[in-house]
Every structure is written in C-alpha cells, then in structure tokens.
Amino acid sequence: MIRRGKASTWKRTAGVVMALGLVAGACSSSSDDDSGSSDTSGAEATDAPDSTDGDTDTTDAPDSTEGETTDTVEVVQEEGGRLQAVKDAGVVKCGSNDTLPGFGIVDDAGEYSGFDVDFCRVVAAAILGDSTAVEFVPLTAEARFTALQSGEIDVLIRNTTWTATRDGNEGANFLFTTFYDGQGMMVPAETGFTTLEDLADASICVLSGTTTELNLTSVMGARGIAFTPVVFEDNTQLRPAYEEGQCEAWTSDKSQLAAFKSSIEEEGGAEQSVMSEVISKEPLGPVVADGDTEWAQAVNWAVMAPVQAWEFGLDSSNIGSYAGDDPNIQRFVGQSDGFDPGLGLPADYAVQAVEQVGNYEEIYTLNIVPIGLELAGSPNNLWTEPGGLLYVPPFR
C-alpha cells in the first residue's frame, strides 16, 4: 500500500516521451558524457592511469609537435540552436531545486544558493561572461523532465541521477557527473535503528518521481522487508511530516539526508542518525535536451572547468593572473594563440567561470562542507587523491 502525505494534493506526471526528442536523440553524440581517454585528465603534467572507464570519441586533433597523424573530419552543426538562442537572450534558464540545503535553496530575499545553483552560475559565466545571467526555475522532481523536454529551461541542474531509462526515454542528455552520491536512510537517533531490517513494517518517507522511490521498492522487496511508503512531492511537505512522526524513516540521497540532519538539529529538532548502508549509486550532474550536440558540448565543458582548474592549482584568486609557461594551462586559460577546440565558447570561458564562481574545491567547500560532508576521502575528490573520482578529459 502507498500512503500519501497529508500535506498536499497529488498528481502523478505521466511519462512524456517527445517524438522529436527520440528522433534527435538517435542522432546525438554520446561522447559528451564520456570521461576521457588514456591521456591525462586535461593535463599532461601528471601521468594518467593505463586504462579508464571508457574511451572518448573526439574530433580534437593533437598538437602537431606530437608527431601524430589524424584524419580531419569537418563537423557541420546546424546554426541557430540553443547555444545561439542563449547568447541572444543573454540569460541561461536553469532548472533548479529551491528546498534542498547545500544544493539548491532560496532565502527570504529570493536569493538562490547551493552547489547545483553555483554550477548554473558556472554555465552562465562560461557562455555569457556573467555568472548572474541566470534565471532560476524551481522544479519538483516530477516536473523537471517535462520542463526540459518542453524547452521551458535550457539546462537542468537539480540533483538529478543519471540512469539508463532516463537517458533513453526522457529526451535527456546527461553530461559530466558533478557529484557522486548514494541513497541512504535516516531515522531519529532515539530509535536505535541501524539496518534496513530494523525497518520491517515501518512507514518510510520518500519523494515521488525519483530514483529513490524506485530503489526503495526494489531493495526492500529483494530482502523481503515489508514497509509502507509515504509519498510526497517535495521536501517542504516531506520534512514536517517526518518530524511530526508520519513516517519512521526518511530515504533519499545521502547528501540530502546529511543536509536535513544538520538543519533539523541546528533548529532544535530531535537528533537524527543516517544509517551507514548505501543502497544505490546516484551520479548527479547537469542534463540538457537531446538533439543539440553544440549546446551539450558547451555546457559540458563549462561545468568541467572548475574541476580542471582545481587540478591545475588555479582558483578564483589566481586564474585571471596566470603568467606561467605550462602549455596545458595556457590553452585552458585562453592564452594559446590560434587554439580553438570548436566548442562555441569564448577563449577565456574557464577564466570567467572560475574567477566569478570558483574552482570545484571552492564550490564544494562553500556549499557541501557546512552540511557535514567533508571532501577528504570523498569520491568527489580529484582522481589523484585517495577515493577521488573526478576526472576531466584533456583540454587540447
């Protein structure tokens, strides 16, 4: 039985598959979502591992000094797509969350802040040269893909998990993973619950239209644990219901649980406990509509800039004044004459993004560390650090 939360009316958004998205998706390049090749992570200054999770098909030619010979293929892209439309409009419409501390939240003055919010600003800074040129469009989990498919938003950066079904059926193109997460379970500390088996016959709060809802049913069913899901449309409804005891546990991405644990306790609520078990993989990152390779490439390389800057030792305080002679960094900051990777981005796009918003470490430290998730030992660290998974393809 599914029990609906008391605080709201409910309307399931039917899965929408646009014919145009399906046709265009069949033609779109998947290389935007790949991690890289056996070259280094955007920098030849460090040695790359012998193999990676997947090679990348690319049209970038190596520097002639490397003595390699490649066939040059001219790629013709239709003009007047979303990239040009965004430039003409002078604003990026970014689908976001406005109720999730650490990732996307709006204050009483209407100001947005958070990890995902800052990556919206990164896209605006890289493409338009102005991190404030963003129109934030708050979306529920159920409404986000409809907004993307309809063109209401240019990009979705709203703690959205990349899955095969979403990639194939939602007319969506998932880009670089900006945050590696996993689903967990939170309970009031006084319960003493530490395992999923402790939740037999319990009621569990969960958001509708999420992978969390699907994972909960799958995992509990596989273990033979009976439970009652209590489904809500957004966290503004779920949180008070949880605190009022409408459900005995709350399941979500662990980053979200950490954020609400911190918020509840800071506001004088009961002590909370997040179980150690991780029951799913939840790679989160920007999403654009299928069928526009030019726009996907521009957004993809924009959001990777803060990661590459961090690996190069560049941050908001020094990237604009780089005066070194490392050719890899010179290309990255737009100081290499004649170098144009054909991404439709300004030569100094990385400088604009990082100088105005910050490198990845700065963005993470500002938004995620305060909710209790340290960077050290996290998968959201550079690939050169223990446990780190962040890795950017070579910028050359």
Protein backbone atom coordinates (compact mmCIF):
# COMPACT_ATOMS: atom_id res chain seq x y z
CA MET A 1 0.00 0.00 0.00
CA ILE A 2 1.22 3.52 -0.78
CA ARG A 3 0.16 6.12 1.73
CA ARG A 4 0.12 9.71 0.52
CA GLY A 5 1.39 12.51 2.71
CA LYS A 6 -1.24 14.66 4.35
CA ALA A 7 0.25 17.99 3.44
CA SER A 8 -0.52 18.12 -0.28
CA THR A 9 -2.63 17.04 -3.20
CA TRP A 10 -1.05 14.62 -5.58
CA LYS A 11 -0.90 14.34 -9.28
CA ARG A 12 1.44 11.94 -10.98
CA THR A 13 3.03 13.46 -14.05
CA ALA A 14 2.68 10.96 -16.87
CA GLY A 15 5.95 9.97 -18.51
CA VAL A 16 6.35 12.20 -21.54
CA VAL A 17 8.39 10.98 -24.49
CA MET A 18 8.65 13.56 -27.23
CA ALA A 19 8.84 12.26 -30.77
CA LEU A 20 11.30 14.98 -31.67
CA GLY A 21 13.49 14.05 -28.72
CA LEU A 22 13.53 10.40 -29.78
CA VAL A 23 14.46 11.18 -33.38
CA ALA A 24 17.09 13.72 -32.43
CA GLY A 25 18.39 11.53 -29.62
CA ALA A 26 19.16 8.77 -32.12
CA CYS A 27 21.47 11.18 -33.92
CA SER A 28 23.08 12.90 -30.95
CA SER A 29 26.62 12.18 -29.87
CA SER A 30 27.18 10.23 -26.69
CA SER A 31 30.78 11.40 -26.38
CA ASP A 32 29.73 14.39 -24.26
CA ASP A 33 29.02 12.07 -21.35
CA ASP A 34 32.21 10.00 -21.51
CA SER A 35 35.02 10.50 -19.06
CA GLY A 36 38.13 10.56 -21.17
CA SER A 37 40.85 8.54 -22.81
CA SER A 38 44.23 7.22 -21.85
CA ASP A 39 45.60 10.76 -21.96
CA THR A 40 45.79 12.74 -18.74
CA SER A 41 42.88 14.47 -17.02
CA GLY A 42 43.17 17.60 -19.07
CA ALA A 43 46.82 17.98 -18.11
CA GLU A 44 49.91 16.26 -19.36
CA ALA A 45 51.65 17.43 -16.20
CA THR A 46 50.51 14.25 -14.43
CA ASP A 47 50.60 10.68 -15.66
CA ALA A 48 47.30 9.07 -16.45
CA PRO A 49 46.37 5.52 -15.45
CA ASP A 50 46.85 2.84 -18.07
CA SER A 51 43.13 2.45 -18.59
CA THR A 52 39.95 4.35 -17.89
CA ASP A 53 36.26 3.61 -17.56
CA GLY A 54 35.72 4.33 -21.25
CA ASP A 55 37.48 5.82 -24.22
CA THR A 56 36.15 9.01 -25.75
CA ASP A 57 35.50 9.59 -29.43
CA THR A 58 36.73 13.08 -30.15
CA THR A 59 37.32 15.37 -33.10
CA ASP A 60 40.09 17.29 -31.35
CA ALA A 61 43.40 16.86 -33.13
CA PRO A 62 46.62 16.55 -31.12
CA ASP A 63 49.28 19.23 -31.34
CA SER A 64 51.44 18.77 -34.43
CA THR A 65 54.54 18.65 -32.24
CA GLU A 66 53.48 15.23 -31.01
CA GLY A 67 54.13 13.78 -34.46
CA GLU A 68 50.77 12.04 -34.71
CA THR A 69 48.77 11.87 -37.94
CA THR A 70 44.99 12.05 -37.87
CA ASP A 71 42.25 12.37 -40.45
CA THR A 72 40.49 15.71 -40.23
CA VAL A 73 36.71 15.47 -40.32
CA GLU A 74 34.64 18.60 -40.74
CA VAL A 75 31.62 18.52 -38.46
CA VAL A 76 28.76 20.68 -39.67
CA GLN A 77 26.31 21.71 -36.97
CA GLU A 78 23.02 23.43 -37.53
CA GLU A 79 23.21 27.12 -36.69
CA GLY A 80 20.63 28.87 -34.60
CA GLY A 81 20.41 26.17 -31.91
CA ARG A 82 20.08 26.66 -28.17
CA LEU A 83 23.63 27.96 -27.71
CA GLN A 84 22.96 30.88 -30.04
CA ALA A 85 19.50 31.38 -28.54
CA VAL A 86 21.01 31.65 -25.06
CA LYS A 87 23.62 34.11 -26.29
CA ASP A 88 20.90 36.19 -27.96
CA ALA A 89 18.73 36.14 -24.84
CA GLY A 90 21.66 36.97 -22.58
CA VAL A 91 20.41 34.59 -19.89
CA VAL A 92 20.56 30.88 -19.03
CA LYS A 93 17.30 29.34 -17.81
CA CYS A 94 18.40 26.78 -15.25
CA GLY A 95 16.03 24.24 -13.72
CA SER A 96 16.90 24.01 -10.04
CA ASN A 97 15.87 22.99 -6.57
CA ASP A 98 14.81 25.62 -4.08
CA THR A 99 14.25 23.46 -0.99
CA LEU A 100 17.47 21.46 -0.58
CA PRO A 101 20.15 22.89 1.75
CA GLY A 102 23.63 22.62 0.30
CA PHE A 103 22.46 22.10 -3.27
CA GLY A 104 19.63 24.48 -4.12
CA ILE A 105 17.74 26.69 -1.73
CA VAL A 106 16.25 30.18 -1.82
CA ASP A 107 16.29 32.59 1.12
CA ASP A 108 13.66 35.09 2.24
CA ALA A 109 15.14 37.70 -0.08
CA GLY A 110 14.74 35.41 -3.08
CA GLU A 111 18.46 34.71 -3.40
CA TYR A 112 19.47 31.23 -4.56
CA SER A 113 22.47 29.38 -3.16
CA GLY A 114 23.91 25.88 -3.24
CA PHE A 115 26.22 23.52 -5.09
CA ASP A 116 23.91 22.97 -8.08
CA VAL A 117 22.99 26.65 -8.10
CA ASP A 118 26.66 27.57 -8.40
CA PHE A 119 27.05 25.25 -11.38
CA CYS A 120 24.16 27.09 -13.04
CA ARG A 121 26.23 30.23 -12.49
CA VAL A 122 29.31 28.50 -13.90
CA VAL A 123 27.43 27.84 -17.15
CA ALA A 124 26.31 31.47 -17.37
CA ALA A 125 29.80 32.80 -16.66
CA ALA A 126 31.43 30.50 -19.21
CA ILE A 127 28.97 31.15 -22.03
CA LEU A 128 27.83 34.72 -21.36
CA GLY A 129 30.70 36.08 -19.26
CA ASP A 130 28.30 36.89 -16.41
CA SER A 131 27.58 34.47 -13.56
CA THR A 132 24.49 36.48 -12.60
CA ALA A 133 22.87 36.00 -16.02
CA VAL A 134 20.78 33.09 -14.74
CA GLU A 135 17.04 32.70 -14.47
CA PHE A 136 16.44 30.03 -11.85
CA VAL A 137 13.35 27.91 -12.50
CA PRO A 138 12.41 25.93 -9.37
CA LEU A 139 11.13 22.47 -10.26
CA THR A 140 9.78 19.45 -8.43
CA ALA A 141 11.28 16.04 -9.15
CA GLU A 142 8.21 15.06 -11.17
CA ALA A 143 8.16 18.22 -13.29
CA ARG A 144 11.85 18.53 -14.13
CA PHE A 145 11.99 16.40 -17.30
CA THR A 146 8.79 17.88 -18.69
CA ALA A 147 10.33 21.33 -18.30
CA LEU A 148 13.45 20.14 -20.11
CA GLN A 149 11.53 18.50 -22.95
CA SER A 150 9.23 21.48 -23.47
CA GLY A 151 12.10 23.96 -23.68
CA GLU A 152 10.99 25.83 -20.56
CA ILE A 153 14.58 25.52 -19.32
CA ASP A 154 17.93 25.45 -21.10
CA VAL A 155 19.65 23.14 -18.63
CA LEU A 156 18.60 21.08 -15.63
CA ILE A 157 20.99 21.17 -12.67
CA ARG A 158 18.88 19.81 -9.86
CA ASN A 159 20.34 16.78 -8.02
CA THR A 160 19.23 14.53 -10.88
CA THR A 161 20.50 10.95 -11.11
CA TRP A 162 21.79 9.62 -14.41
CA THR A 163 20.10 6.30 -15.27
CA ALA A 164 19.71 4.26 -18.45
CA THR A 165 15.94 4.71 -18.55
CA ARG A 166 16.15 8.47 -18.16
CA ASP A 167 18.89 8.64 -20.76
CA GLY A 168 16.80 6.64 -23.20
CA ASN A 169 13.21 7.67 -22.51
CA GLU A 170 13.21 11.23 -21.23
CA GLY A 171 14.67 13.02 -24.26
CA ALA A 172 17.58 13.87 -21.98
CA ASN A 173 21.34 14.10 -22.47
CA PHE A 174 23.23 13.58 -19.20
CA LEU A 175 26.58 15.35 -19.00
CA PHE A 176 29.59 15.34 -16.67
CA THR A 177 28.90 13.94 -13.20
CA THR A 178 29.50 16.81 -10.78
CA PHE A 179 28.56 14.91 -7.62
CA TYR A 180 28.82 11.21 -6.79
CA ASP A 181 26.14 10.23 -4.29
CA GLY A 182 24.30 7.19 -2.97
CA GLN A 183 20.93 6.51 -1.41
CA GLY A 184 20.65 6.04 2.33
CA MET A 185 18.19 6.03 5.21
CA MET A 186 17.73 8.46 8.11
CA VAL A 187 15.89 7.76 11.37
CA PRO A 188 15.52 9.56 14.70
CA ALA A 189 18.58 8.59 16.74
CA GLU A 190 16.42 7.53 19.67
CA THR A 191 15.03 4.60 17.67
CA GLY A 192 18.40 2.86 17.68
CA PHE A 193 17.74 1.54 14.16
CA THR A 194 20.94 0.76 12.25
CA THR A 195 19.90 -1.60 9.43
CA LEU A 196 17.16 -1.86 6.85
CA GLU A 197 15.89 -4.97 8.60
CA ASP A 198 15.14 -2.80 11.63
CA LEU A 199 12.56 -1.03 9.47
CA ALA A 200 10.32 -4.06 8.96
CA ASP A 201 6.67 -2.91 8.79
CA ALA A 202 7.77 0.72 9.13
CA SER A 203 6.43 3.69 7.20
CA ILE A 204 9.12 5.42 5.14
CA CYS A 205 9.00 8.96 3.73
CA VAL A 206 10.11 9.29 0.09
CA LEU A 207 9.77 11.80 -2.76
CA SER A 208 7.71 10.86 -5.79
CA GLY A 209 9.18 10.84 -9.28
CA THR A 210 12.66 9.93 -8.05
CA THR A 211 15.08 7.02 -8.37
CA THR A 212 14.88 6.95 -4.58
CA GLU A 213 11.27 5.80 -4.74
CA LEU A 214 12.11 3.03 -7.22
CA ASN A 215 15.22 1.89 -5.33
CA LEU A 216 13.32 1.69 -2.06
CA THR A 217 10.75 -0.68 -3.52
CA SER A 218 13.42 -2.81 -5.22
CA VAL A 219 15.77 -3.15 -2.26
CA MET A 220 13.14 -3.76 0.39
CA GLY A 221 11.34 -6.23 -1.87
CA ALA A 222 14.54 -8.14 -2.61
CA ARG A 223 15.19 -8.50 1.11
CA GLY A 224 11.63 -9.43 1.93
CA ILE A 225 11.15 -6.42 4.21
CA ALA A 226 7.56 -5.20 4.38
CA PHE A 227 7.11 -1.44 4.61
CA THR A 228 4.67 1.36 3.77
CA PRO A 229 5.93 4.21 1.55
CA VAL A 230 4.58 7.65 2.42
CA VAL A 231 5.00 9.68 -0.76
CA PHE A 232 5.47 13.44 -1.05
CA GLU A 233 6.02 15.78 -3.97
CA ASP A 234 8.76 17.91 -2.42
CA ASN A 235 10.82 18.36 0.71
CA THR A 236 8.75 21.25 2.03
CA GLN A 237 5.99 18.69 2.57
CA LEU A 238 8.13 15.70 3.46
CA ARG A 239 10.26 17.24 6.21
CA PRO A 240 7.44 18.43 8.52
CA ALA A 241 5.63 15.12 8.03
CA TYR A 242 8.78 13.24 9.06
CA GLU A 243 9.32 15.44 12.10
CA GLU A 244 5.67 15.01 13.09
CA GLY A 245 6.05 11.22 13.03
CA GLN A 246 4.01 10.43 9.91
CA CYS A 247 6.86 8.10 8.96
CA GLU A 248 9.54 6.32 10.94
CA ALA A 249 12.33 6.78 8.41
CA TRP A 250 13.31 9.05 5.54
CA THR A 251 15.10 7.75 2.46
CA SER A 252 16.95 9.94 -0.03
CA ASP A 253 20.42 10.60 -1.40
CA LYS A 254 22.88 10.63 1.49
CA SER A 255 23.88 14.19 0.68
CA GLN A 256 20.27 15.29 1.11
CA LEU A 257 19.90 13.38 4.35
CA ALA A 258 23.09 15.00 5.66
CA ALA A 259 21.71 18.41 4.76
CA PHE A 260 18.40 17.86 6.53
CA LYS A 261 20.02 16.15 9.52
CA SER A 262 22.14 19.25 10.01
CA SER A 263 19.19 21.58 9.52
CA ILE A 264 16.84 19.70 11.87
CA GLU A 265 19.40 19.50 14.66
CA GLU A 266 20.55 23.11 14.28
CA GLU A 267 16.94 24.25 14.61
CA GLY A 268 16.47 22.36 17.86
CA GLY A 269 14.83 19.24 16.49
CA ALA A 270 15.48 15.67 17.56
CA GLU A 271 18.91 14.14 16.94
CA GLN A 272 19.00 12.20 13.68
CA SER A 273 21.00 9.19 12.55
CA VAL A 274 21.93 8.36 8.95
CA MET A 275 22.48 4.63 8.50
CA SER A 276 25.88 3.65 7.13
CA GLU A 277 24.50 1.42 4.38
CA VAL A 278 24.45 2.79 0.83
CA ILE A 279 21.73 1.12 -1.23
CA SER A 280 22.35 2.64 -4.67
CA LYS A 281 24.69 4.63 -6.91
CA GLU A 282 23.45 8.15 -7.60
CA PRO A 283 25.64 10.07 -10.11
CA LEU A 284 24.34 13.64 -10.25
CA GLY A 285 25.05 16.28 -12.86
CA PRO A 286 23.68 18.67 -15.50
CA VAL A 287 21.14 17.49 -18.06
CA VAL A 288 20.21 19.06 -21.41
CA ALA A 289 17.65 18.07 -24.02
CA ASP A 290 18.62 15.51 -26.64
CA GLY A 291 19.33 16.57 -30.20
CA ASP A 292 21.59 19.60 -29.74
CA THR A 293 25.22 18.49 -29.66
CA GLU A 294 26.56 22.05 -29.82
CA TRP A 295 24.68 23.09 -26.66
CA ALA A 296 25.55 19.87 -24.85
CA GLN A 297 29.26 20.34 -25.58
CA ALA A 298 29.23 23.95 -24.40
CA VAL A 299 27.52 23.10 -21.10
CA ASN A 300 29.65 20.00 -20.57
CA TRP A 301 32.97 21.79 -20.93
CA ALA A 302 31.71 24.72 -18.90
CA VAL A 303 30.91 22.57 -15.86
CA MET A 304 34.21 20.70 -16.16
CA ALA A 305 36.23 23.93 -15.97
CA PRO A 306 36.10 24.23 -12.13
CA VAL A 307 37.39 20.65 -11.81
CA GLN A 308 40.26 21.18 -14.24
CA ALA A 309 41.17 24.47 -12.60
CA TRP A 310 41.41 22.72 -9.24
CA GLU A 311 43.77 20.09 -10.67
CA PHE A 312 45.92 22.85 -12.18
CA GLY A 313 46.11 24.62 -8.81
CA LEU A 314 44.02 27.52 -10.07
CA ASP A 315 41.21 29.16 -8.13
CA SER A 316 39.12 32.32 -8.16
CA SER A 317 42.01 34.37 -6.79
CA ASN A 318 44.72 33.49 -9.30
CA ILE A 319 43.29 32.10 -12.55
CA GLY A 320 42.92 35.55 -14.08
CA SER A 321 46.56 36.43 -13.46
CA TYR A 322 48.24 33.23 -14.60
CA ALA A 323 51.65 34.08 -16.07
CA GLY A 324 53.34 30.68 -16.19
CA ASP A 325 54.68 28.80 -19.19
CA ASP A 326 52.80 25.48 -18.86
CA PRO A 327 51.25 24.99 -22.33
CA ASN A 328 48.41 22.93 -20.89
CA ILE A 329 47.36 25.74 -18.57
CA GLN A 330 47.93 28.35 -21.27
CA ARG A 331 45.43 26.54 -23.50
CA PHE A 332 42.99 26.22 -20.61
CA VAL A 333 43.03 29.93 -19.73
CA GLY A 334 42.88 31.11 -23.35
CA GLN A 335 46.50 32.22 -23.71
CA SER A 336 47.41 29.85 -26.55
CA ASP A 337 47.14 31.80 -29.81
CA GLY A 338 45.21 30.03 -32.52
CA PHE A 339 43.87 27.25 -30.32
CA ASP A 340 40.14 26.74 -30.82
CA PRO A 341 38.58 23.39 -29.83
CA GLY A 342 35.36 24.32 -31.63
CA LEU A 343 33.11 24.29 -28.58
CA GLY A 344 31.39 27.60 -29.25
CA LEU A 345 32.83 29.03 -26.04
CA PRO A 346 34.92 32.20 -25.58
CA ALA A 347 38.67 31.63 -25.32
CA ASP A 348 38.60 32.77 -21.69
CA TYR A 349 35.48 30.81 -20.70
CA ALA A 350 37.32 28.87 -17.98
CA VAL A 351 38.74 32.07 -16.51
CA GLN A 352 35.29 33.64 -16.39
CA ALA A 353 33.70 30.58 -14.78
CA VAL A 354 36.33 30.06 -12.10
CA GLU A 355 37.10 33.71 -11.38
CA GLN A 356 33.41 34.54 -10.92
CA VAL A 357 32.21 31.36 -9.17
CA GLY A 358 35.23 29.34 -8.03
CA ASN A 359 37.01 26.08 -8.72
CA TYR A 360 35.40 22.79 -7.68
CA GLU A 361 37.05 22.75 -4.27
CA GLU A 362 35.83 26.27 -3.54
CA ILE A 363 32.28 25.44 -4.65
CA TYR A 364 32.23 22.23 -2.60
CA THR A 365 33.73 23.84 0.50
CA LEU A 366 31.26 26.71 0.39
CA ASN A 367 28.14 24.59 -0.05
CA ILE A 368 28.70 20.95 0.94
CA VAL A 369 31.14 21.02 3.86
CA PRO A 370 28.67 23.03 6.01
CA ILE A 371 26.13 20.18 5.79
CA GLY A 372 28.67 17.76 7.21
CA LEU A 373 30.24 16.13 4.14
CA GLU A 374 34.00 16.63 4.09
CA LEU A 375 35.95 16.46 0.84
CA ALA A 376 38.82 14.29 2.12
CA GLY A 377 38.19 10.64 1.33
CA SER A 378 35.12 11.51 -0.72
CA PRO A 379 34.52 10.22 -4.25
CA ASN A 380 34.00 13.91 -5.07
CA ASN A 381 37.72 14.50 -4.93
CA LEU A 382 40.30 14.63 -7.69
CA TRP A 383 41.25 11.30 -9.25
CA THR A 384 44.77 11.86 -7.93
CA GLU A 385 43.53 11.73 -4.32
CA PRO A 386 42.55 8.61 -2.34
CA GLY A 387 39.00 7.63 -3.24
CA GLY A 388 38.58 10.51 -5.69
CA LEU A 389 36.66 10.02 -8.95
CA LEU A 390 36.72 13.50 -10.53
CA TYR A 391 38.49 13.30 -13.86
CA VAL A 392 38.30 15.68 -16.83
CA PRO A 393 39.19 14.82 -20.45
CA PRO A 394 42.25 16.57 -21.88
CA PHE A 395 41.71 20.17 -22.98
CA ARG A 396 43.74 20.17 -26.19
